[in-house]
């Protein structure tokens, strides 16, 4: 992988996240529904307090809004090949 490829912008940064299937799926979460994201082996859901959660075997993060959750999941997906993510505490 070249350095240029590693830093390529996500296509939905140009098209707008409102067109991203991931953002649409997160936006549609309500109540007890959850969404499993196999690429990062994590589940996202809205809890009983209206907070957005992302849980995996090693982490459980909570976000006050869907935009923050989406931004973090997008960063993880973008950095999945490189390893590491600044939005999740270790």
N, C-alpha and C. Protein backbone atom coordinates (compact mmCIF):
# COMPACT_ATOMS: atom_id res chain seq x y z
N UNK A 1 0.86 -1.18 0.00
CA UNK A 1 0.00 0.00 0.00
C UNK A 1 0.90 1.23 0.00
N UNK A 2 0.62 2.16 -0.89
CA UNK A 2 1.41 3.39 -0.94
C UNK A 2 0.92 4.37 0.11
N UNK A 3 1.78 5.33 0.43
CA UNK A 3 1.41 6.36 1.39
C UNK A 3 0.21 7.15 0.89
N UNK A 4 0.17 7.39 -0.42
CA UNK A 4 -0.95 8.13 -1.02
C UNK A 4 -2.26 7.39 -0.81
N UNK A 5 -2.25 6.09 -1.05
CA UNK A 5 -3.46 5.28 -0.88
C UNK A 5 -3.90 5.27 0.58
N UNK A 6 -2.94 5.19 1.48
CA UNK A 6 -3.25 5.15 2.91
C UNK A 6 -3.95 6.41 3.39
N UNK A 7 -3.70 7.53 2.75
CA UNK A 7 -4.29 8.80 3.18
C UNK A 7 -5.42 9.27 2.28
N UNK A 8 -5.90 8.40 1.39
CA UNK A 8 -6.99 8.76 0.49
C UNK A 8 -8.25 9.06 1.28
N UNK A 9 -8.96 10.11 0.90
CA UNK A 9 -10.18 10.49 1.60
C UNK A 9 -11.31 9.52 1.33
N UNK A 10 -12.16 9.35 2.27
CA UNK A 10 -13.35 8.52 2.16
C UNK A 10 -14.30 9.15 1.15
N UNK A 11 -14.90 8.37 0.28
CA UNK A 11 -15.77 8.89 -0.78
C UNK A 11 -16.93 9.70 -0.22
N UNK A 12 -17.42 9.35 0.96
CA UNK A 12 -18.57 10.06 1.52
C UNK A 12 -18.20 11.40 2.14
N UNK A 13 -16.89 11.68 2.24
CA UNK A 13 -16.48 13.03 2.62
C UNK A 13 -16.83 14.00 1.49
N UNK A 14 -16.88 13.50 0.27
CA UNK A 14 -17.26 14.31 -0.88
C UNK A 14 -18.77 14.29 -1.11
N UNK A 15 -19.37 13.10 -1.01
CA UNK A 15 -20.80 12.95 -1.30
C UNK A 15 -21.69 13.39 -0.15
N UNK A 16 -21.14 13.42 1.05
CA UNK A 16 -21.93 13.73 2.24
C UNK A 16 -22.31 12.47 2.97
N UNK A 17 -22.16 12.50 4.29
CA UNK A 17 -22.43 11.29 5.06
C UNK A 17 -23.89 10.87 5.00
N UNK A 18 -24.78 11.81 4.69
CA UNK A 18 -26.20 11.47 4.59
C UNK A 18 -26.47 10.45 3.49
N UNK A 19 -25.51 10.25 2.58
CA UNK A 19 -25.65 9.26 1.51
C UNK A 19 -24.91 7.96 1.82
N UNK A 20 -24.18 7.94 2.91
CA UNK A 20 -23.40 6.77 3.29
C UNK A 20 -24.34 5.72 3.89
N UNK A 21 -24.33 4.49 3.35
CA UNK A 21 -25.19 3.43 3.90
C UNK A 21 -24.97 3.19 5.39
N UNK A 22 -23.75 3.36 5.87
CA UNK A 22 -23.48 3.21 7.30
C UNK A 22 -24.20 4.28 8.11
N UNK A 23 -24.11 5.52 7.69
CA UNK A 23 -24.79 6.61 8.40
C UNK A 23 -26.30 6.41 8.37
N UNK A 24 -26.82 5.99 7.23
CA UNK A 24 -28.26 5.74 7.10
C UNK A 24 -28.69 4.64 8.08
N UNK A 25 -27.88 3.57 8.17
CA UNK A 25 -28.22 2.47 9.09
C UNK A 25 -28.17 2.94 10.54
N UNK A 26 -27.16 3.74 10.89
CA UNK A 26 -27.08 4.27 12.26
C UNK A 26 -28.26 5.18 12.54
N UNK A 27 -28.61 6.00 11.58
CA UNK A 27 -29.73 6.94 11.73
C UNK A 27 -31.06 6.22 11.95
N UNK A 28 -31.19 5.02 11.41
CA UNK A 28 -32.44 4.28 11.51
C UNK A 28 -32.54 3.45 12.80
N UNK A 29 -31.49 3.40 13.61
CA UNK A 29 -31.54 2.63 14.85
C UNK A 29 -32.49 3.26 15.85
N UNK A 30 -33.36 2.43 16.40
CA UNK A 30 -34.31 2.88 17.42
C UNK A 30 -34.54 1.75 18.41
N UNK A 31 -34.82 2.11 19.64
CA UNK A 31 -35.20 1.13 20.65
C UNK A 31 -34.17 0.04 20.85
N UNK A 32 -34.60 -1.20 20.75
CA UNK A 32 -33.76 -2.36 21.03
C UNK A 32 -32.96 -2.82 19.81
N UNK A 33 -33.07 -2.14 18.69
CA UNK A 33 -32.37 -2.56 17.47
C UNK A 33 -30.87 -2.37 17.62
N UNK A 34 -30.12 -3.22 16.94
CA UNK A 34 -28.67 -3.08 16.93
C UNK A 34 -28.17 -3.37 15.51
N UNK A 35 -26.96 -2.94 15.25
CA UNK A 35 -26.34 -3.11 13.94
C UNK A 35 -24.96 -3.70 14.16
N UNK A 36 -24.69 -4.88 13.59
CA UNK A 36 -23.37 -5.49 13.68
C UNK A 36 -22.56 -5.08 12.48
N UNK A 37 -21.33 -4.62 12.72
CA UNK A 37 -20.43 -4.20 11.65
C UNK A 37 -19.30 -5.22 11.60
N UNK A 38 -19.38 -6.18 10.67
CA UNK A 38 -18.43 -7.30 10.67
C UNK A 38 -16.97 -6.88 10.42
N UNK A 39 -16.75 -5.82 9.66
CA UNK A 39 -15.39 -5.40 9.34
C UNK A 39 -14.59 -5.01 10.58
N UNK A 40 -15.28 -4.53 11.61
CA UNK A 40 -14.60 -4.15 12.86
C UNK A 40 -15.07 -4.99 14.05
N UNK A 41 -15.90 -5.98 13.77
CA UNK A 41 -16.41 -6.90 14.80
C UNK A 41 -17.00 -6.14 15.97
N UNK A 42 -17.87 -5.19 15.67
CA UNK A 42 -18.50 -4.36 16.70
C UNK A 42 -19.99 -4.23 16.45
N UNK A 43 -20.72 -4.02 17.51
CA UNK A 43 -22.16 -3.80 17.44
C UNK A 43 -22.45 -2.37 17.89
N UNK A 44 -23.33 -1.69 17.15
CA UNK A 44 -23.75 -0.36 17.56
C UNK A 44 -25.25 -0.40 17.85
N UNK A 45 -25.67 0.43 18.80
CA UNK A 45 -27.08 0.48 19.19
C UNK A 45 -27.36 1.77 19.94
N UNK A 46 -28.65 2.05 20.12
CA UNK A 46 -29.08 3.17 20.96
C UNK A 46 -29.56 2.55 22.26
N UNK A 47 -29.02 3.01 23.39
CA UNK A 47 -29.42 2.42 24.66
C UNK A 47 -30.70 3.07 25.19
N UNK A 48 -31.16 2.63 26.35
CA UNK A 48 -32.42 3.10 26.94
C UNK A 48 -32.38 4.58 27.32
N UNK A 49 -31.17 5.14 27.40
CA UNK A 49 -31.03 6.56 27.75
C UNK A 49 -30.85 7.45 26.52
N UNK A 50 -30.96 6.84 25.33
CA UNK A 50 -30.81 7.59 24.09
C UNK A 50 -29.38 7.85 23.67
N UNK A 51 -28.44 7.15 24.31
CA UNK A 51 -27.03 7.28 23.95
C UNK A 51 -26.66 6.22 22.93
N UNK A 52 -25.76 6.55 22.05
CA UNK A 52 -25.29 5.62 21.03
C UNK A 52 -24.09 4.86 21.57
N UNK A 53 -24.12 3.53 21.44
CA UNK A 53 -23.05 2.69 21.96
C UNK A 53 -22.41 1.89 20.84
N UNK A 54 -21.10 1.67 21.00
CA UNK A 54 -20.37 0.77 20.12
C UNK A 54 -19.64 -0.21 21.03
N UNK A 55 -19.89 -1.49 20.82
CA UNK A 55 -19.29 -2.51 21.69
C UNK A 55 -18.63 -3.59 20.85
N UNK A 56 -17.43 -3.96 21.29
CA UNK A 56 -16.71 -5.08 20.70
C UNK A 56 -16.19 -5.94 21.85
N UNK A 57 -15.41 -6.96 21.54
CA UNK A 57 -14.87 -7.81 22.61
C UNK A 57 -13.97 -7.02 23.56
N UNK A 58 -13.27 -6.03 23.02
CA UNK A 58 -12.28 -5.33 23.84
C UNK A 58 -12.68 -3.92 24.27
N UNK A 59 -13.70 -3.34 23.65
CA UNK A 59 -14.08 -1.96 23.96
C UNK A 59 -15.59 -1.79 24.07
N UNK A 60 -15.98 -0.80 24.85
CA UNK A 60 -17.38 -0.38 24.91
C UNK A 60 -17.36 1.14 25.03
N UNK A 61 -17.76 1.81 23.96
CA UNK A 61 -17.73 3.27 23.92
C UNK A 61 -19.15 3.80 23.83
N UNK A 62 -19.36 4.99 24.35
CA UNK A 62 -20.67 5.62 24.35
C UNK A 62 -20.56 7.01 23.74
N UNK A 63 -21.55 7.39 22.95
CA UNK A 63 -21.56 8.68 22.25
C UNK A 63 -22.91 9.35 22.48
N UNK A 64 -22.89 10.66 22.58
CA UNK A 64 -24.13 11.39 22.86
C UNK A 64 -24.98 11.60 21.61
N UNK A 65 -24.37 11.41 20.42
CA UNK A 65 -25.15 11.60 19.19
C UNK A 65 -24.64 10.69 18.08
N UNK A 66 -25.47 10.49 17.08
CA UNK A 66 -25.14 9.57 15.99
C UNK A 66 -23.99 10.07 15.13
N UNK A 67 -23.79 11.38 15.04
CA UNK A 67 -22.70 11.92 14.24
C UNK A 67 -21.35 11.52 14.83
N UNK A 68 -21.21 11.61 16.16
CA UNK A 68 -19.95 11.22 16.80
C UNK A 68 -19.70 9.72 16.63
N UNK A 69 -20.74 8.92 16.79
CA UNK A 69 -20.61 7.48 16.59
C UNK A 69 -20.18 7.19 15.16
N UNK A 70 -20.86 7.79 14.20
CA UNK A 70 -20.54 7.59 12.78
C UNK A 70 -19.10 7.99 12.50
N UNK A 71 -18.67 9.14 13.00
CA UNK A 71 -17.31 9.62 12.76
C UNK A 71 -16.29 8.62 13.28
N UNK A 72 -16.54 8.08 14.47
CA UNK A 72 -15.61 7.12 15.05
C UNK A 72 -15.59 5.81 14.26
N UNK A 73 -16.74 5.27 13.92
CA UNK A 73 -16.81 4.03 13.16
C UNK A 73 -16.14 4.23 11.80
N UNK A 74 -16.38 5.36 11.16
CA UNK A 74 -15.76 5.65 9.86
C UNK A 74 -14.24 5.70 9.99
N UNK A 75 -13.76 6.32 11.06
CA UNK A 75 -12.31 6.39 11.27
C UNK A 75 -11.72 5.01 11.48
N UNK A 76 -12.41 4.18 12.26
CA UNK A 76 -11.93 2.82 12.49
C UNK A 76 -11.90 2.06 11.18
N UNK A 77 -12.95 2.16 10.39
CA UNK A 77 -12.98 1.46 9.11
C UNK A 77 -11.87 1.96 8.18
N UNK A 78 -11.64 3.26 8.17
CA UNK A 78 -10.60 3.83 7.32
C UNK A 78 -9.21 3.41 7.77
N UNK A 79 -9.02 3.26 9.07
CA UNK A 79 -7.72 2.92 9.62
C UNK A 79 -7.55 1.43 9.88
N UNK A 80 -8.56 0.64 9.53
CA UNK A 80 -8.55 -0.77 9.84
C UNK A 80 -7.30 -1.47 9.29
N UNK A 81 -6.89 -1.12 8.09
CA UNK A 81 -5.72 -1.73 7.47
C UNK A 81 -4.45 -1.24 8.15
N UNK A 82 -4.43 0.05 8.51
CA UNK A 82 -3.25 0.64 9.13
C UNK A 82 -3.12 0.27 10.59
N UNK A 83 -4.23 0.03 11.26
CA UNK A 83 -4.24 -0.25 12.69
C UNK A 83 -4.30 1.03 13.50
N UNK A 84 -5.04 0.98 14.55
CA UNK A 84 -5.12 2.13 15.44
C UNK A 84 -6.25 3.07 15.09
N UNK A 85 -6.73 3.76 16.11
CA UNK A 85 -7.80 4.74 15.95
C UNK A 85 -7.76 5.67 17.13
N UNK A 86 -7.81 6.95 16.86
CA UNK A 86 -7.72 7.92 17.95
C UNK A 86 -9.03 8.10 18.70
N UNK A 87 -10.14 7.60 18.16
CA UNK A 87 -11.43 7.87 18.78
C UNK A 87 -11.83 6.84 19.82
N UNK A 88 -11.08 5.75 19.94
CA UNK A 88 -11.41 4.72 20.91
C UNK A 88 -10.30 4.62 21.92
N UNK A 89 -10.65 4.68 23.19
CA UNK A 89 -9.64 4.57 24.23
C UNK A 89 -9.24 3.12 24.41
N UNK A 90 -8.00 2.90 24.74
CA UNK A 90 -7.49 1.52 24.92
C UNK A 90 -7.33 1.21 26.37
